[in-house]
Structure formats: structure tokens, C-alpha cells
C-alpha atoms as a PDB file:
ATOM      1  CA  UNK A   1     -10.881 -14.168  -3.966  1.00  0.00           C
ATOM      2  CA  UNK A   2      -7.348 -16.216  -3.281  1.00  0.00           C
ATOM      3  CA  UNK A   3      -4.366 -14.402  -2.340  1.00  0.00           C
ATOM      4  CA  UNK A   4      -0.811 -15.527  -2.731  1.00  0.00           C
ATOM      5  CA  UNK A   5       1.724 -13.506  -0.795  1.00  0.00           C
ATOM      6  CA  UNK A   6       5.491 -13.770  -1.894  1.00  0.00           C
ATOM      7  CA  UNK A   7       8.585 -12.396  -1.760  1.00  0.00           C
ATOM      8  CA  UNK A   8       9.828 -12.577   2.256  1.00  0.00           C
ATOM      9  CA  UNK A   9      13.670 -13.458   2.823  1.00  0.00           C
ATOM     10  CA  UNK A  10      16.721 -12.850   4.996  1.00  0.00           C
ATOM     11  CA  UNK A  11      17.990  -9.324   4.484  1.00  0.00           C
ATOM     12  CA  UNK A  12      20.065  -7.484   6.552  1.00  0.00           C
ATOM     13  CA  UNK A  13      19.665  -4.521   8.565  1.00  0.00           C
ATOM     14  CA  UNK A  14      19.257  -1.277   6.228  1.00  0.00           C
ATOM     15  CA  UNK A  15      18.494  -3.831   3.478  1.00  0.00           C
ATOM     16  CA  UNK A  16      14.973  -3.669   1.658  1.00  0.00           C
ATOM     17  CA  UNK A  17      12.392  -6.134   0.173  1.00  0.00           C
ATOM     18  CA  UNK A  18       9.849  -6.009  -1.945  1.00  0.00           C
ATOM     19  CA  UNK A  19       6.116  -8.322  -1.053  1.00  0.00           C
ATOM     20  CA  UNK A  20       4.116  -8.888  -3.443  1.00  0.00           C
ATOM     21  CA  UNK A  21       0.054  -9.703  -3.111  1.00  0.00           C
ATOM     22  CA  UNK A  22      -1.184 -11.643  -5.792  1.00  0.00           C
ATOM     23  CA  UNK A  23      -5.024 -12.319  -6.476  1.00  0.00           C
ATOM     24  CA  UNK A  24      -6.744 -14.745  -8.375  1.00  0.00           C
ATOM     25  CA  UNK A  25     -10.519 -15.922  -8.576  1.00  0.00           C
ATOM     26  CA  UNK A  26     -12.325 -12.368  -8.729  1.00  0.00           C
ATOM     27  CA  UNK A  27     -11.221  -8.756 -10.360  1.00  0.00           C
ATOM     28  CA  UNK A  28      -9.368  -7.369  -7.206  1.00  0.00           C
ATOM     29  CA  UNK A  29      -9.799  -3.681  -8.361  1.00  0.00           C
ATOM     30  CA  UNK A  30     -12.102  -2.790  -6.000  1.00  0.00           C
ATOM     31  CA  UNK A  31     -11.008  -4.843  -2.666  1.00  0.00           C
ATOM     32  CA  UNK A  32      -8.941  -2.966  -0.040  1.00  0.00           C
ATOM     33  CA  UNK A  33      -5.788  -4.856   1.196  1.00  0.00           C
ATOM     34  CA  UNK A  34      -4.003  -4.731   3.995  1.00  0.00           C
ATOM     35  CA  UNK A  35      -0.439  -5.971   4.964  1.00  0.00           C
ATOM     36  CA  UNK A  36      -0.059  -7.467   8.853  1.00  0.00           C
ATOM     37  CA  UNK A  37       2.507  -9.031  10.501  1.00  0.00           C
ATOM     38  CA  UNK A  38       3.095 -11.418  13.382  1.00  0.00           C
ATOM     39  CA  UNK A  39       6.374 -12.123  15.102  1.00  0.00           C
ATOM     40  CA  UNK A  40       6.524 -15.515  17.151  1.00  0.00           C
ATOM     41  CA  UNK A  41       4.858 -15.099  20.275  1.00  0.00           C
ATOM     42  CA  UNK A  42       2.960 -12.135  19.328  1.00  0.00           C
ATOM     43  CA  UNK A  43       0.002 -10.406  17.933  1.00  0.00           C
ATOM     44  CA  UNK A  44      -0.842 -10.197  14.053  1.00  0.00           C
ATOM     45  CA  UNK A  45      -0.315  -6.338  13.677  1.00  0.00           C
ATOM     46  CA  UNK A  46      -1.328  -4.057  11.324  1.00  0.00           C
ATOM     47  CA  UNK A  47       0.911  -2.793   8.831  1.00  0.00           C
ATOM     48  CA  UNK A  48      -0.041  -1.201   5.923  1.00  0.00           C
ATOM     49  CA  UNK A  49      -3.700  -0.475   3.791  1.00  0.00           C
ATOM     50  CA  UNK A  50      -4.485   0.090   1.020  1.00  0.00           C
ATOM     51  CA  UNK A  51      -7.887   1.543  -0.938  1.00  0.00           C
ATOM     52  CA  UNK A  52      -8.802   4.862  -2.499  1.00  0.00           C
ATOM     53  CA  UNK A  53      -6.208   6.141   0.144  1.00  0.00           C
ATOM     54  CA  UNK A  54      -3.525   4.052   2.378  1.00  0.00           C
ATOM     55  CA  UNK A  55      -2.978   4.009   6.067  1.00  0.00           C
ATOM     56  CA  UNK A  56       0.339   3.033   7.541  1.00  0.00           C
ATOM     57  CA  UNK A  57       1.572   1.596  11.152  1.00  0.00           C
ATOM     58  CA  UNK A  58       3.230   4.157  12.735  1.00  0.00           C
ATOM     59  CA  UNK A  59       6.242   1.886  13.471  1.00  0.00           C
ATOM     60  CA  UNK A  60       6.630   1.463   9.422  1.00  0.00           C
ATOM     61  CA  UNK A  61       5.868   4.882   8.339  1.00  0.00           C
ATOM     62  CA  UNK A  62       8.664   6.988   6.008  1.00  0.00           C
ATOM     63  CA  UNK A  63      10.291   3.204   5.038  1.00  0.00           C
ATOM     64  CA  UNK A  64       7.453   0.668   3.637  1.00  0.00           C
ATOM     65  CA  UNK A  65       4.950   2.297   0.745  1.00  0.00           C
ATOM     66  CA  UNK A  66       2.013   0.387  -0.126  1.00  0.00           C
ATOM     67  CA  UNK A  67       1.162   0.178  -3.995  1.00  0.00           C
ATOM     68  CA  UNK A  68      -1.245  -1.818  -6.085  1.00  0.00           C
ATOM     69  CA  UNK A  69      -1.255  -2.655  -9.747  1.00  0.00           C
ATOM     70  CA  UNK A  70      -4.637  -3.704 -10.791  1.00  0.00           C
ATOM     71  CA  UNK A  71      -3.391  -4.549 -14.136  1.00  0.00           C
ATOM     72  CA  UNK A  72      -1.801  -7.493 -12.511  1.00  0.00           C
ATOM     73  CA  UNK A  73      -4.207  -8.357  -9.695  1.00  0.00           C
ATOM     74  CA  UNK A  74      -1.151  -7.407  -7.448  1.00  0.00           C
ATOM     75  CA  UNK A  75      -0.248  -5.594  -4.068  1.00  0.00           C
ATOM     76  CA  UNK A  76       2.892  -4.748  -3.126  1.00  0.00           C
ATOM     77  CA  UNK A  77       4.660  -3.313   0.320  1.00  0.00           C
ATOM     78  CA  UNK A  78       7.868  -2.020  -0.737  1.00  0.00           C
ATOM     79  CA  UNK A  79      10.127  -2.020   2.645  1.00  0.00           C
ATOM     80  CA  UNK A  80      12.930   0.133   3.211  1.00  0.00           C
ATOM     81  CA  UNK A  81      15.942   0.860   5.877  1.00  0.00           C
ATOM     82  CA  UNK A  82      14.619  -2.515   7.262  1.00  0.00           C
ATOM     83  CA  UNK A  83      15.504  -3.273  11.215  1.00  0.00           C
ATOM     84  CA  UNK A  84      15.525  -6.467  13.211  1.00  0.00           C
ATOM     85  CA  UNK A  85      12.338  -5.570  14.598  1.00  0.00           C
ATOM     86  CA  UNK A  86      10.476  -6.170  11.420  1.00  0.00           C
ATOM     87  CA  UNK A  87      10.966  -9.575  11.293  1.00  0.00           C
ATOM     88  CA  UNK A  88       7.811 -11.694  11.163  1.00  0.00           C
ATOM     89  CA  UNK A  89       5.711 -13.707   8.965  1.00  0.00           C
ATOM     90  CA  UNK A  90       3.969 -10.936   6.659  1.00  0.00           C
ATOM     91  CA  UNK A  91       0.509 -11.536   5.768  1.00  0.00           C
ATOM     92  CA  UNK A  92      -2.095  -9.962   3.036  1.00  0.00           C
ATOM     93  CA  UNK A  93      -5.341  -9.614   3.645  1.00  0.00           C
ATOM     94  CA  UNK A  94      -8.118  -8.358   1.467  1.00  0.00           C
ATOM     95  CA  UNK A  95     -12.182  -7.601   1.852  1.00  0.00           C
ATOM     96  CA  UNK A  96     -14.482  -5.863  -0.875  1.00  0.00           C
ATOM     97  CA  UNK A  97     -17.009  -4.167   1.564  1.00  0.00           C
ATOM     98  CA  UNK A  98     -14.256  -2.841   4.558  1.00  0.00           C
ATOM     99  CA  UNK A  99     -11.002  -1.178   4.705  1.00  0.00           C
ATOM    100  CA  UNK A 100      -9.016  -0.166   8.004  1.00  0.00           C
ATOM    101  CA  UNK A 101      -6.641  -1.207   9.972  1.00  0.00           C
ATOM    102  CA  UNK A 102      -8.300  -4.084  12.034  1.00  0.00           C
ATOM    103  CA  UNK A 103      -7.574  -7.863  11.411  1.00  0.00           C
ATOM    104  CA  UNK A 104     -11.297  -8.320  11.793  1.00  0.00           C
ATOM    105  CA  UNK A 105     -12.177  -6.040   8.811  1.00  0.00           C
ATOM    106  CA  UNK A 106     -10.649  -8.584   6.325  1.00  0.00           C
ATOM    107  CA  UNK A 107     -12.567 -11.805   4.682  1.00  0.00           C
ATOM    108  CA  UNK A 108      -9.635 -12.811   2.928  1.00  0.00           C
ATOM    109  CA  UNK A 109      -6.308 -13.921   4.078  1.00  0.00           C
ATOM    110  CA  UNK A 110      -3.069 -15.059   2.372  1.00  0.00           C
ATOM    111  CA  UNK A 111      -0.635 -17.699   3.671  1.00  0.00           C
ATOM    112  CA  UNK A 112       1.959 -15.278   4.491  1.00  0.00           C
ATOM    113  CA  UNK A 113       6.090 -14.949   3.462  1.00  0.00           C
ATOM    114  CA  UNK A 114       8.989 -14.975   6.309  1.00  0.00           C
ATOM    115  CA  UNK A 115      10.671 -11.895   6.678  1.00  0.00           C
ATOM    116  CA  UNK A 116      14.375 -12.287   8.703  1.00  0.00           C
ATOM    117  CA  UNK A 117      16.009  -9.086   9.126  1.00  0.00           C
ATOM    118  CA  UNK A 118      19.317  -9.667  10.431  1.00  0.00           C
ATOM    119  CA  UNK A 119      21.557  -7.057  12.590  1.00  0.00           C
END
């Protein structure tokens, strides 16, 4: 499966963005999908994931919402109340056999989309 992340941009603190992760190549319905982010000089960290349930990192809980539209083969990450510390490149990832908060649980990765939050 090929993944295409989009929707990043520059936003002021307190603003919102919606990221999209569009899949092609195979039916997306049975795949677990995760969002991760990587700030300059830092590790790639877990943000949110969706399969039969949803997981969120503590730092985004209550502000970010992950959802999916299987008719469009797309997973979304709605990001509200953005903070400067949310600035990072956001990646979506998918797997058809595993589901969790670790990067190692996802075999397929998109190219990343930049999110910049100004103070």
C-alpha cells in the first residue's frame, strides 16, 4: 500500500489543521493507521492510531482526533488548539497485521507533511 500525507502548513498557536493520509494500491479498510511526528533533532514520536479502537499520545489527548473514511481510503488527524511544541513533520503509517504505539509496528510509511505552529 502507498500512503500520501497532506494538509500540513503554518498556523498560529490555538489554530487548527486537518491532516489527511490517503492510501492507494490496496483496500485500506483492514489496516491499522498511525500518525507519528518528528521535530528537528528529535526522535519520531507516536501521536495517534486507529484500528478497532484509537490511541493517543498524552500530549495530544483532548486536542487531536483521528478518524477514517474507508469509502475514501483516507485517515484524518484533526488537530485543534495547536501549540508551538506541535511543530514537526507528521508521518502516517499503516500495517495490516499489527497495531500499537511503536514505529516498529508499522510496515508502510508516507512521505511526511510539515506542520509549523507559530507563537
